[in-house]
């Protein structure tokens, strides 16, 4: 299974929120992606800090 592309996710978001334009929808997805990366890094760092518990 391959990961969905930004275009595919943008299309899906536009179906769910038709008031957004394509550029806005892509910006929301990029923002969510960056937030997820930051959260994952933070959790990883906390795990290392606490010995992996």
PDB file of N, CA and C in Angstrom:
ATOM      1  N   UNK A   1       0.849  -1.176   0.000  1.00  0.00           N
ATOM      2  CA  UNK A   1       0.000   0.000   0.000  1.00  0.00           C
ATOM      3  C   UNK A   1       0.894   1.238   0.000  1.00  0.00           C
ATOM      4  N   UNK A   2       0.604   2.163  -0.864  1.00  0.00           N
ATOM      5  CA  UNK A   2       1.389   3.388  -0.928  1.00  0.00           C
ATOM      6  C   UNK A   2       0.691   4.490  -0.142  1.00  0.00           C
ATOM      7  N   UNK A   3       1.481   5.426   0.326  1.00  0.00           N
ATOM      8  CA  UNK A   3       0.923   6.579   1.042  1.00  0.00           C
ATOM      9  C   UNK A   3       0.225   7.503   0.055  1.00  0.00           C
ATOM     10  N   UNK A   4      -0.868   8.125   0.488  1.00  0.00           N
ATOM     11  CA  UNK A   4      -1.546   9.055  -0.407  1.00  0.00           C
ATOM     12  C   UNK A   4      -0.671  10.286  -0.661  1.00  0.00           C
ATOM     13  N   UNK A   5      -0.810  10.851  -1.824  1.00  0.00           N
ATOM     14  CA  UNK A   5      -0.054  12.049  -2.177  1.00  0.00           C
ATOM     15  C   UNK A   5      -0.770  13.287  -1.633  1.00  0.00           C
ATOM     16  N   UNK A   6      -0.062  14.410  -1.644  1.00  0.00           N
ATOM     17  CA  UNK A   6      -0.671  15.666  -1.219  1.00  0.00           C
ATOM     18  C   UNK A   6      -1.881  15.992  -2.088  1.00  0.00           C
ATOM     19  N   UNK A   7      -1.780  15.730  -3.385  1.00  0.00           N
ATOM     20  CA  UNK A   7      -2.923  15.986  -4.281  1.00  0.00           C
ATOM     21  C   UNK A   7      -4.132  15.146  -3.900  1.00  0.00           C
ATOM     22  N   UNK A   8      -3.917  13.876  -3.604  1.00  0.00           N
ATOM     23  CA  UNK A   8      -5.034  12.993  -3.225  1.00  0.00           C
ATOM     24  C   UNK A   8      -5.667  13.439  -1.907  1.00  0.00           C
ATOM     25  N   UNK A   9      -4.830  13.799  -0.939  1.00  0.00           N
ATOM     26  CA  UNK A   9      -5.360  14.264   0.339  1.00  0.00           C
ATOM     27  C   UNK A   9      -6.073  15.601   0.193  1.00  0.00           C
ATOM     28  N   UNK A  10      -5.556  16.455  -0.656  1.00  0.00           N
ATOM     29  CA  UNK A  10      -6.208  17.739  -0.911  1.00  0.00           C
ATOM     30  C   UNK A  10      -7.582  17.519  -1.522  1.00  0.00           C
ATOM     31  N   UNK A  11      -7.666  16.623  -2.485  1.00  0.00           N
ATOM     32  CA  UNK A  11      -8.965  16.298  -3.099  1.00  0.00           C
ATOM     33  C   UNK A  11      -9.951  15.799  -2.042  1.00  0.00           C
ATOM     34  N   UNK A  12      -9.473  14.936  -1.146  1.00  0.00           N
ATOM     35  CA  UNK A  12     -10.340  14.389  -0.105  1.00  0.00           C
ATOM     36  C   UNK A  12     -10.812  15.494   0.844  1.00  0.00           C
ATOM     37  N   UNK A  13      -9.890  16.370   1.239  1.00  0.00           N
ATOM     38  CA  UNK A  13     -10.263  17.470   2.123  1.00  0.00           C
ATOM     39  C   UNK A  13     -11.264  18.405   1.445  1.00  0.00           C
ATOM     40  N   UNK A  14     -11.090  18.652   0.173  1.00  0.00           N
ATOM     41  CA  UNK A  14     -12.031  19.515  -0.556  1.00  0.00           C
ATOM     42  C   UNK A  14     -13.426  18.896  -0.622  1.00  0.00           C
ATOM     43  N   UNK A  15     -13.516  17.566  -0.672  1.00  0.00           N
ATOM     44  CA  UNK A  15     -14.835  16.922  -0.642  1.00  0.00           C
ATOM     45  C   UNK A  15     -15.491  17.121   0.725  1.00  0.00           C
ATOM     46  N   UNK A  16     -14.671  17.121   1.785  1.00  0.00           N
ATOM     47  CA  UNK A  16     -15.208  17.273   3.136  1.00  0.00           C
ATOM     48  C   UNK A  16     -15.483  18.734   3.495  1.00  0.00           C
ATOM     49  N   UNK A  17     -14.698  19.630   2.926  1.00  0.00           N
ATOM     50  CA  UNK A  17     -14.827  21.062   3.238  1.00  0.00           C
ATOM     51  C   UNK A  17     -14.815  21.859   1.939  1.00  0.00           C
ATOM     52  N   UNK A  18     -15.913  21.828   1.202  1.00  0.00           N
ATOM     53  CA  UNK A  18     -15.943  22.460  -0.118  1.00  0.00           C
ATOM     54  C   UNK A  18     -15.779  23.976  -0.089  1.00  0.00           C
ATOM     55  N   UNK A  19     -15.900  24.614   1.073  1.00  0.00           N
ATOM     56  CA  UNK A  19     -15.723  26.061   1.147  1.00  0.00           C
ATOM     57  C   UNK A  19     -14.252  26.458   0.983  1.00  0.00           C
ATOM     58  N   UNK A  20     -13.340  25.508   1.193  1.00  0.00           N
ATOM     59  CA  UNK A  20     -11.917  25.791   1.001  1.00  0.00           C
ATOM     60  C   UNK A  20     -11.584  25.780  -0.479  1.00  0.00           C
ATOM     61  N   UNK A  21     -10.593  26.582  -0.862  1.00  0.00           N
ATOM     62  CA  UNK A  21     -10.084  26.428  -2.218  1.00  0.00           C
ATOM     63  C   UNK A  21      -8.885  25.471  -2.145  1.00  0.00           C
ATOM     64  N   UNK A  22      -8.388  25.073  -3.287  1.00  0.00           N
ATOM     65  CA  UNK A  22      -7.329  24.060  -3.347  1.00  0.00           C
ATOM     66  C   UNK A  22      -6.067  24.493  -2.585  1.00  0.00           C
ATOM     67  N   UNK A  23      -5.705  25.752  -2.715  1.00  0.00           N
ATOM     68  CA  UNK A  23      -4.507  26.269  -2.046  1.00  0.00           C
ATOM     69  C   UNK A  23      -4.674  26.241  -0.524  1.00  0.00           C
ATOM     70  N   UNK A  24      -5.849  26.628  -0.044  1.00  0.00           N
ATOM     71  CA  UNK A  24      -6.122  26.610   1.397  1.00  0.00           C
ATOM     72  C   UNK A  24      -6.087  25.184   1.934  1.00  0.00           C
ATOM     73  N   UNK A  25      -6.690  24.267   1.202  1.00  0.00           N
ATOM     74  CA  UNK A  25      -6.731  22.872   1.636  1.00  0.00           C
ATOM     75  C   UNK A  25      -5.317  22.295   1.722  1.00  0.00           C
ATOM     76  N   UNK A  26      -4.485  22.567   0.737  1.00  0.00           N
ATOM     77  CA  UNK A  26      -3.111  22.070   0.752  1.00  0.00           C
ATOM     78  C   UNK A  26      -2.336  22.688   1.916  1.00  0.00           C
ATOM     79  N   UNK A  27      -2.572  23.962   2.201  1.00  0.00           N
ATOM     80  CA  UNK A  27      -1.888  24.625   3.319  1.00  0.00           C
ATOM     81  C   UNK A  27      -2.273  23.990   4.652  1.00  0.00           C
ATOM     82  N   UNK A  28      -3.545  23.649   4.818  1.00  0.00           N
ATOM     83  CA  UNK A  28      -3.998  22.984   6.044  1.00  0.00           C
ATOM     84  C   UNK A  28      -3.306  21.628   6.195  1.00  0.00           C
ATOM     85  N   UNK A  29      -3.214  20.888   5.112  1.00  0.00           N
ATOM     86  CA  UNK A  29      -2.569  19.576   5.173  1.00  0.00           C
ATOM     87  C   UNK A  29      -1.086  19.695   5.503  1.00  0.00           C
ATOM     88  N   UNK A  30      -0.408  20.667   4.908  1.00  0.00           N
ATOM     89  CA  UNK A  30       1.011  20.875   5.218  1.00  0.00           C
ATOM     90  C   UNK A  30       1.201  21.246   6.688  1.00  0.00           C
ATOM     91  N   UNK A  31       0.328  22.102   7.193  1.00  0.00           N
ATOM     92  CA  UNK A  31       0.399  22.519   8.594  1.00  0.00           C
ATOM     93  C   UNK A  31       0.178  21.323   9.525  1.00  0.00           C
ATOM     94  N   UNK A  32      -0.793  20.484   9.201  1.00  0.00           N
ATOM     95  CA  UNK A  32      -1.058  19.295  10.015  1.00  0.00           C
ATOM     96  C   UNK A  32       0.122  18.321   9.954  1.00  0.00           C
ATOM     97  N   UNK A  33       0.730  18.170   8.799  1.00  0.00           N
ATOM     98  CA  UNK A  33       1.883  17.295   8.643  1.00  0.00           C
ATOM     99  C   UNK A  33       3.042  17.774   9.517  1.00  0.00           C
ATOM    100  N   UNK A  34       3.340  19.076   9.456  1.00  0.00           N
ATOM    101  CA  UNK A  34       4.431  19.628  10.266  1.00  0.00           C
ATOM    102  C   UNK A  34       4.144  19.470  11.757  1.00  0.00           C
ATOM    103  N   UNK A  35       2.899  19.685  12.168  1.00  0.00           N
ATOM    104  CA  UNK A  35       2.530  19.534  13.575  1.00  0.00           C
ATOM    105  C   UNK A  35       2.710  18.080  14.011  1.00  0.00           C
ATOM    106  N   UNK A  36       2.352  17.143  13.149  1.00  0.00           N
ATOM    107  CA  UNK A  36       2.537  15.727  13.465  1.00  0.00           C
ATOM    108  C   UNK A  36       4.005  15.359  13.594  1.00  0.00           C
ATOM    109  N   UNK A  37       4.831  15.896  12.711  1.00  0.00           N
ATOM    110  CA  UNK A  37       6.274  15.640  12.808  1.00  0.00           C
ATOM    111  C   UNK A  37       6.828  16.193  14.115  1.00  0.00           C
ATOM    112  N   UNK A  38       6.457  17.424  14.442  1.00  0.00           N
ATOM    113  CA  UNK A  38       6.936  18.034  15.681  1.00  0.00           C
ATOM    114  C   UNK A  38       6.499  17.234  16.898  1.00  0.00           C
ATOM    115  N   UNK A  39       5.265  16.779  16.896  1.00  0.00           N
ATOM    116  CA  UNK A  39       4.742  15.988  18.008  1.00  0.00           C
ATOM    117  C   UNK A  39       5.505  14.661  18.136  1.00  0.00           C
ATOM    118  N   UNK A  40       5.752  14.028  17.013  1.00  0.00           N
ATOM    119  CA  UNK A  40       6.500  12.766  17.029  1.00  0.00           C
ATOM    120  C   UNK A  40       7.913  12.955  17.544  1.00  0.00           C
ATOM    121  N   UNK A  41       8.560  14.030  17.130  1.00  0.00           N
ATOM    122  CA  UNK A  41       9.911  14.322  17.623  1.00  0.00           C
ATOM    123  C   UNK A  41       9.896  14.565  19.128  1.00  0.00           C
ATOM    124  N   UNK A  42       8.895  15.300  19.596  1.00  0.00           N
ATOM    125  CA  UNK A  42       8.788  15.589  21.022  1.00  0.00           C
ATOM    126  C   UNK A  42       8.583  14.293  21.820  1.00  0.00           C
ATOM    127  N   UNK A  43       7.685  13.434  21.347  1.00  0.00           N
ATOM    128  CA  UNK A  43       7.449  12.161  22.034  1.00  0.00           C
ATOM    129  C   UNK A  43       8.703  11.301  22.038  1.00  0.00           C
ATOM    130  N   UNK A  44       9.430  11.297  20.935  1.00  0.00           N
ATOM    131  CA  UNK A  44      10.658  10.515  20.850  1.00  0.00           C
ATOM    132  C   UNK A  44      11.682  11.047  21.849  1.00  0.00           C
ATOM    133  N   UNK A  45      11.838  12.356  21.906  1.00  0.00           N
ATOM    134  CA  UNK A  45      12.795  12.964  22.831  1.00  0.00           C
ATOM    135  C   UNK A  45      12.411  12.673  24.280  1.00  0.00           C
ATOM    136  N   UNK A  46      11.136  12.740  24.587  1.00  0.00           N
ATOM    137  CA  UNK A  46      10.683  12.440  25.946  1.00  0.00           C
ATOM    138  C   UNK A  46      10.929  10.978  26.299  1.00  0.00           C
ATOM    139  N   UNK A  47      10.742  10.110  25.318  1.00  0.00           N
ATOM    140  CA  UNK A  47      11.008   8.691  25.551  1.00  0.00           C
ATOM    141  C   UNK A  47      12.470   8.443  25.843  1.00  0.00           C
ATOM    142  N   UNK A  48      13.361   9.107  25.110  1.00  0.00           N
ATOM    143  CA  UNK A  48      14.790   8.967  25.363  1.00  0.00           C
ATOM    144  C   UNK A  48      15.160   9.532  26.727  1.00  0.00           C
ATOM    145  N   UNK A  49      14.542  10.648  27.075  1.00  0.00           N
ATOM    146  CA  UNK A  49      14.807  11.315  28.342  1.00  0.00           C
ATOM    147  C   UNK A  49      14.404  10.433  29.526  1.00  0.00           C
ATOM    148  N   UNK A  50      13.352   9.651  29.364  1.00  0.00           N
ATOM    149  CA  UNK A  50      12.829   8.824  30.439  1.00  0.00           C
ATOM    150  C   UNK A  50      13.215   7.351  30.296  1.00  0.00           C
ATOM    151  N   UNK A  51      14.238   7.108  29.520  1.00  0.00           N
ATOM    152  CA  UNK A  51      14.720   5.741  29.380  1.00  0.00           C
ATOM    153  C   UNK A  51      13.813   4.842  28.578  1.00  0.00           C
ATOM    154  N   UNK A  52      12.967   5.414  27.742  1.00  0.00           N
ATOM    155  CA  UNK A  52      12.113   4.605  26.873  1.00  0.00           C
ATOM    156  C   UNK A  52      10.870   4.076  27.516  1.00  0.00           C
ATOM    157  N   UNK A  53      10.446   4.648  28.607  1.00  0.00           N
ATOM    158  CA  UNK A  53       9.225   4.164  29.261  1.00  0.00           C
ATOM    159  C   UNK A  53       8.076   4.761  28.585  1.00  0.00           C
TER     160      UNK A  53
END
